[in-house]
Every structure is written in structure tokens, then in C-alpha cells.
Amino acid sequence: MQIIQLPDETLMITEVLHEVRRVYTDGSPMPDDPDPAFSGYSVGRWDGDAFVIDTVAIKANTLDRNGVPNSDQLTIKERLRLRDAQTLEVQMTLTDPEAYTKPWTITRVHRRAPAGRKFYEYICNENNRNQVLPDGTTAAE
């Protein structure tokens, strides 16, 4: 994932499937009735050292490819913060009164990519299997 901060939005770009997620940071409120989308509609703000993202309008049953259910009532609150210069912690609280009995929280930890690591075209793992990356590993490792 690559995170790019612009004056009015933050872009979160993933190599897999070329996904670009927009988090609006221009200070405008969440729309009353945003159109449902796979990534939903997100607004972000800083709270101390944490970047807080609120997301609504996620299409039903599109949370992930593993079958984790969600309704169109799902909301997600994320708190992103650097633990240190190499480690990003992302805490997510998912609330969906139609799919779950109570909110649930997960924490993911991401390590910064090695210097020189570039994004490559994603087709599928099989096609990228033998591609050698700048750190000497292959895309399949």
C-alpha cells in the first residue's frame, strides 16, 4: 500500500487490483446519502498522532473476498498511526447492526517496504511468480 497525502484528500493505493481509495480531508461533513461503493465513502482527520478515518456506504457483502458478511449499514472507524519509522498500526472498528451483534475491532500491523521497492503491474500471482524485486526476492515470496 502506498499512502499519498494531498491538501484535500489522502489516497491509499494498493498494488493488488490497482485499487485507489480516497479519504477526503477537506473538512466537509459526511454526505447524508452517499452512493454505495466497494470502498465506501471516507472522511479523515488528525487526532494527535493518529489519522482517523470514518467510512460509510460500503456495498453489502463486499467487505472482503473471503465471505465475511456485511450489510449496507456497515460503518468502519480506522485509526492509523506510526509505531516507529518502519511500522504502521491500523486499528479498525466495524459496526454493522444487521450483520453483527456488536461492534468488533481488529488491529493490523504493516512494515514499510524496503527502499527502492516499486509497484508492479498486477495481473495475478501466477503471472508475477518469477518477477525479481529490487531486494532480490520474487513476487511470489
C-alpha atoms as a PDB file:
ATOM      1  CA  MET A   1       0.000   0.000   0.000  1.00  0.00           C
ATOM      2  CA  GLN A   2       1.159   3.487  -0.778  1.00  0.00           C
ATOM      3  CA  ILE A   3      -0.327   6.460   1.094  1.00  0.00           C
ATOM      4  CA  ILE A   4      -0.239   9.859  -0.588  1.00  0.00           C
ATOM      5  CA  GLN A   5      -1.362  12.950   1.324  1.00  0.00           C
ATOM      6  CA  LEU A   6      -2.750  15.809  -0.759  1.00  0.00           C
ATOM      7  CA  PRO A   7      -4.227  19.085   0.549  1.00  0.00           C
ATOM      8  CA  ASP A   8      -7.880  17.934   0.391  1.00  0.00           C
ATOM      9  CA  GLU A   9      -7.640  14.141   0.307  1.00  0.00           C
ATOM     10  CA  THR A  10      -5.429  11.193   1.140  1.00  0.00           C
ATOM     11  CA  LEU A  11      -5.027   8.422  -1.421  1.00  0.00           C
ATOM     12  CA  MET A  12      -4.418   4.830  -0.378  1.00  0.00           C
ATOM     13  CA  ILE A  13      -3.169   2.850  -3.357  1.00  0.00           C
ATOM     14  CA  THR A  14      -2.742  -0.913  -3.355  1.00  0.00           C
ATOM     15  CA  GLU A  15      -0.781  -2.946  -5.846  1.00  0.00           C
ATOM     16  CA  VAL A  16      -3.329  -5.757  -5.864  1.00  0.00           C
ATOM     17  CA  LEU A  17      -6.149  -4.969  -8.281  1.00  0.00           C
ATOM     18  CA  HIS A  18      -4.836  -1.388  -8.702  1.00  0.00           C
ATOM     19  CA  GLU A  19      -7.262  -0.113  -6.062  1.00  0.00           C
ATOM     20  CA  VAL A  20      -7.271   3.597  -5.195  1.00  0.00           C
ATOM     21  CA  ARG A  21      -9.141   4.592  -2.059  1.00  0.00           C
ATOM     22  CA  ARG A  22      -9.938   8.266  -1.491  1.00  0.00           C
ATOM     23  CA  VAL A  23     -10.177   9.659   2.027  1.00  0.00           C
ATOM     24  CA  TYR A  24     -11.482  13.222   1.947  1.00  0.00           C
ATOM     25  CA  THR A  25      -9.711  15.583   4.339  1.00  0.00           C
ATOM     26  CA  ASP A  26     -11.101  18.932   3.194  1.00  0.00           C
ATOM     27  CA  GLY A  27     -13.193  19.323   6.363  1.00  0.00           C
ATOM     28  CA  SER A  28     -16.540  18.791   4.675  1.00  0.00           C
ATOM     29  CA  PRO A  29     -19.071  16.632   6.539  1.00  0.00           C
ATOM     30  CA  MET A  30     -20.031  13.120   5.569  1.00  0.00           C
ATOM     31  CA  PRO A  31     -22.736  13.286   2.846  1.00  0.00           C
ATOM     32  CA  ASP A  32     -26.265  12.469   4.018  1.00  0.00           C
ATOM     33  CA  ASP A  33     -26.823   9.697   1.474  1.00  0.00           C
ATOM     34  CA  PRO A  34     -23.649   8.745  -0.425  1.00  0.00           C
ATOM     35  CA  ASP A  35     -23.866   6.189  -3.208  1.00  0.00           C
ATOM     36  CA  PRO A  36     -22.716   2.729  -2.051  1.00  0.00           C
ATOM     37  CA  ALA A  37     -19.290   1.701  -3.344  1.00  0.00           C
ATOM     38  CA  PHE A  38     -16.831  -1.145  -2.807  1.00  0.00           C
ATOM     39  CA  SER A  39     -14.557   1.093  -0.720  1.00  0.00           C
ATOM     40  CA  GLY A  40     -17.420   3.179   0.649  1.00  0.00           C
ATOM     41  CA  TYR A  41     -17.145   6.901   1.277  1.00  0.00           C
ATOM     42  CA  SER A  42     -14.406   8.008   3.669  1.00  0.00           C
ATOM     43  CA  VAL A  43     -13.547  11.206   5.519  1.00  0.00           C
ATOM     44  CA  GLY A  44     -10.396  11.619   7.566  1.00  0.00           C
ATOM     45  CA  ARG A  45      -8.932  13.891  10.209  1.00  0.00           C
ATOM     46  CA  TRP A  46      -5.964  14.003  12.541  1.00  0.00           C
ATOM     47  CA  ASP A  47      -6.396  13.226  16.248  1.00  0.00           C
ATOM     48  CA  GLY A  48      -2.983  13.744  17.826  1.00  0.00           C
ATOM     49  CA  ASP A  49      -0.583  11.326  16.137  1.00  0.00           C
ATOM     50  CA  ALA A  50      -3.401   9.197  14.681  1.00  0.00           C
ATOM     51  CA  PHE A  51      -5.077   9.636  11.296  1.00  0.00           C
ATOM     52  CA  VAL A  52      -8.746   8.775  11.924  1.00  0.00           C
ATOM     53  CA  ILE A  53     -10.917   7.622   9.013  1.00  0.00           C
ATOM     54  CA  ASP A  54     -14.709   7.190   9.114  1.00  0.00           C
ATOM     55  CA  THR A  55     -16.219   5.161   6.281  1.00  0.00           C
ATOM     56  CA  VAL A  56     -19.868   4.617   5.321  1.00  0.00           C
ATOM     57  CA  ALA A  57     -21.784   3.452   2.216  1.00  0.00           C
ATOM     58  CA  ILE A  58     -19.930   0.190   1.678  1.00  0.00           C
ATOM     59  CA  LYS A  59     -21.820  -2.104  -0.683  1.00  0.00           C
ATOM     60  CA  ALA A  60     -23.359  -5.127   1.051  1.00  0.00           C
ATOM     61  CA  ASN A  61     -21.250  -8.301   1.081  1.00  0.00           C
ATOM     62  CA  THR A  62     -18.160  -6.660  -0.421  1.00  0.00           C
ATOM     63  CA  LEU A  63     -16.056  -6.376   2.740  1.00  0.00           C
ATOM     64  CA  ASP A  64     -13.567  -8.964   1.545  1.00  0.00           C
ATOM     65  CA  ARG A  65     -13.108 -11.864  -0.856  1.00  0.00           C
ATOM     66  CA  ASN A  66     -13.332 -14.465   1.930  1.00  0.00           C
ATOM     67  CA  GLY A  67     -17.050 -14.200   2.567  1.00  0.00           C
ATOM     68  CA  VAL A  68     -17.098 -12.027   5.701  1.00  0.00           C
ATOM     69  CA  PRO A  69     -20.672 -10.713   5.655  1.00  0.00           C
ATOM     70  CA  ASN A  70     -21.689  -7.082   5.795  1.00  0.00           C
ATOM     71  CA  SER A  71     -24.863  -5.150   5.137  1.00  0.00           C
ATOM     72  CA  ASP A  72     -25.161  -1.710   3.622  1.00  0.00           C
ATOM     73  CA  GLN A  73     -25.355  -0.403   7.221  1.00  0.00           C
ATOM     74  CA  LEU A  74     -21.673  -1.174   7.887  1.00  0.00           C
ATOM     75  CA  THR A  75     -19.546   1.675   9.212  1.00  0.00           C
ATOM     76  CA  ILE A  76     -15.802   1.483   9.818  1.00  0.00           C
ATOM     77  CA  LYS A  77     -13.660   3.703  12.028  1.00  0.00           C
ATOM     78  CA  GLU A  78      -9.919   3.379  11.462  1.00  0.00           C
ATOM     79  CA  ARG A  79      -7.015   4.788  13.460  1.00  0.00           C
ATOM     80  CA  LEU A  80      -3.692   4.786  11.617  1.00  0.00           C
ATOM     81  CA  ARG A  81      -0.530   5.658  13.494  1.00  0.00           C
ATOM     82  CA  LEU A  82       3.168   5.083  13.160  1.00  0.00           C
ATOM     83  CA  ARG A  83       4.572   2.911  15.942  1.00  0.00           C
ATOM     84  CA  ASP A  84       8.025   3.826  14.663  1.00  0.00           C
ATOM     85  CA  ALA A  85       9.594   4.879  11.353  1.00  0.00           C
ATOM     86  CA  GLN A  86       9.106   1.383   9.870  1.00  0.00           C
ATOM     87  CA  THR A  87       5.784   0.255  11.375  1.00  0.00           C
ATOM     88  CA  LEU A  88       2.209   1.386  10.653  1.00  0.00           C
ATOM     89  CA  GLU A  89      -0.548   0.225  13.001  1.00  0.00           C
ATOM     90  CA  VAL A  90      -4.122   0.239  11.701  1.00  0.00           C
ATOM     91  CA  GLN A  91      -6.918  -0.309  14.232  1.00  0.00           C
ATOM     92  CA  MET A  92     -10.359  -0.824  12.671  1.00  0.00           C
ATOM     93  CA  THR A  93     -13.714  -0.954  14.439  1.00  0.00           C
ATOM     94  CA  LEU A  94     -16.534  -2.365  12.327  1.00  0.00           C
ATOM     95  CA  THR A  95     -20.139  -1.689  13.296  1.00  0.00           C
ATOM     96  CA  ASP A  96     -22.996  -3.329  11.403  1.00  0.00           C
ATOM     97  CA  PRO A  97     -26.281  -3.786  13.307  1.00  0.00           C
ATOM     98  CA  GLU A  98     -27.679  -6.038  10.564  1.00  0.00           C
ATOM     99  CA  ALA A  99     -24.715  -8.415  10.267  1.00  0.00           C
ATOM    100  CA  TYR A 100     -23.205  -8.467  13.805  1.00  0.00           C
ATOM    101  CA  THR A 101     -24.481  -8.418  17.363  1.00  0.00           C
ATOM    102  CA  LYS A 102     -21.902  -5.845  18.465  1.00  0.00           C
ATOM    103  CA  PRO A 103     -19.011  -3.802  17.031  1.00  0.00           C
ATOM    104  CA  TRP A 104     -15.712  -5.623  16.632  1.00  0.00           C
ATOM    105  CA  THR A 105     -12.172  -4.309  16.434  1.00  0.00           C
ATOM    106  CA  ILE A 106      -9.093  -5.675  14.711  1.00  0.00           C
ATOM    107  CA  THR A 107      -5.557  -4.345  14.565  1.00  0.00           C
ATOM    108  CA  ARG A 108      -3.220  -4.850  11.628  1.00  0.00           C
ATOM    109  CA  VAL A 109       0.451  -4.017  11.542  1.00  0.00           C
ATOM    110  CA  HIS A 110       2.246  -3.134   8.309  1.00  0.00           C
ATOM    111  CA  ARG A 111       6.009  -2.860   7.766  1.00  0.00           C
ATOM    112  CA  ARG A 112       7.469  -0.221   5.453  1.00  0.00           C
ATOM    113  CA  ALA A 113       8.684  -1.693   2.173  1.00  0.00           C
ATOM    114  CA  PRO A 114      12.440  -1.828   1.584  1.00  0.00           C
ATOM    115  CA  ALA A 115      13.997   1.234  -0.019  1.00  0.00           C
ATOM    116  CA  GLY A 116      13.658   1.093  -3.790  1.00  0.00           C
ATOM    117  CA  ARG A 117      10.580  -1.172  -3.751  1.00  0.00           C
ATOM    118  CA  LYS A 118       8.302  -0.223  -6.639  1.00  0.00           C
ATOM    119  CA  PHE A 119       4.743  -1.131  -7.517  1.00  0.00           C
ATOM    120  CA  TYR A 120       4.422  -3.616 -10.355  1.00  0.00           C
ATOM    121  CA  GLU A 121       1.565  -4.344 -12.683  1.00  0.00           C
ATOM    122  CA  TYR A 122      -0.755  -6.821 -11.021  1.00  0.00           C
ATOM    123  CA  ILE A 123      -2.247  -9.469 -13.274  1.00  0.00           C
ATOM    124  CA  CYS A 124      -2.336 -12.477 -10.990  1.00  0.00           C
ATOM    125  CA  ASN A 125       0.134 -14.188  -8.687  1.00  0.00           C
ATOM    126  CA  GLU A 126       0.840 -16.891 -11.269  1.00  0.00           C
ATOM    127  CA  ASN A 127       1.948 -14.349 -13.881  1.00  0.00           C
ATOM    128  CA  ASN A 128       4.122 -12.444 -11.378  1.00  0.00           C
ATOM    129  CA  ARG A 129       5.623 -15.530  -9.741  1.00  0.00           C
ATOM    130  CA  ASN A 130       9.110 -15.243 -11.266  1.00  0.00           C
ATOM    131  CA  GLN A 131       9.434 -11.458 -11.230  1.00  0.00           C
ATOM    132  CA  VAL A 132      12.581 -10.469  -9.289  1.00  0.00           C
ATOM    133  CA  LEU A 133      12.126  -7.488  -6.960  1.00  0.00           C
ATOM    134  CA  PRO A 134      14.843  -4.935  -6.032  1.00  0.00           C
ATOM    135  CA  ASP A 135      15.557  -6.735  -2.728  1.00  0.00           C
ATOM    136  CA  GLY A 136      16.347  -9.964  -4.613  1.00  0.00           C
ATOM    137  CA  THR A 137      13.140 -11.814  -3.699  1.00  0.00           C
ATOM    138  CA  THR A 138      10.499 -12.833  -6.199  1.00  0.00           C
ATOM    139  CA  ALA A 139       6.922 -11.579  -6.230  1.00  0.00           C
ATOM    140  CA  ALA A 140       5.722 -14.993  -5.032  1.00  0.00           C
ATOM    141  CA  GLU A 141       7.865 -14.998  -1.863  1.00  0.00           C
END
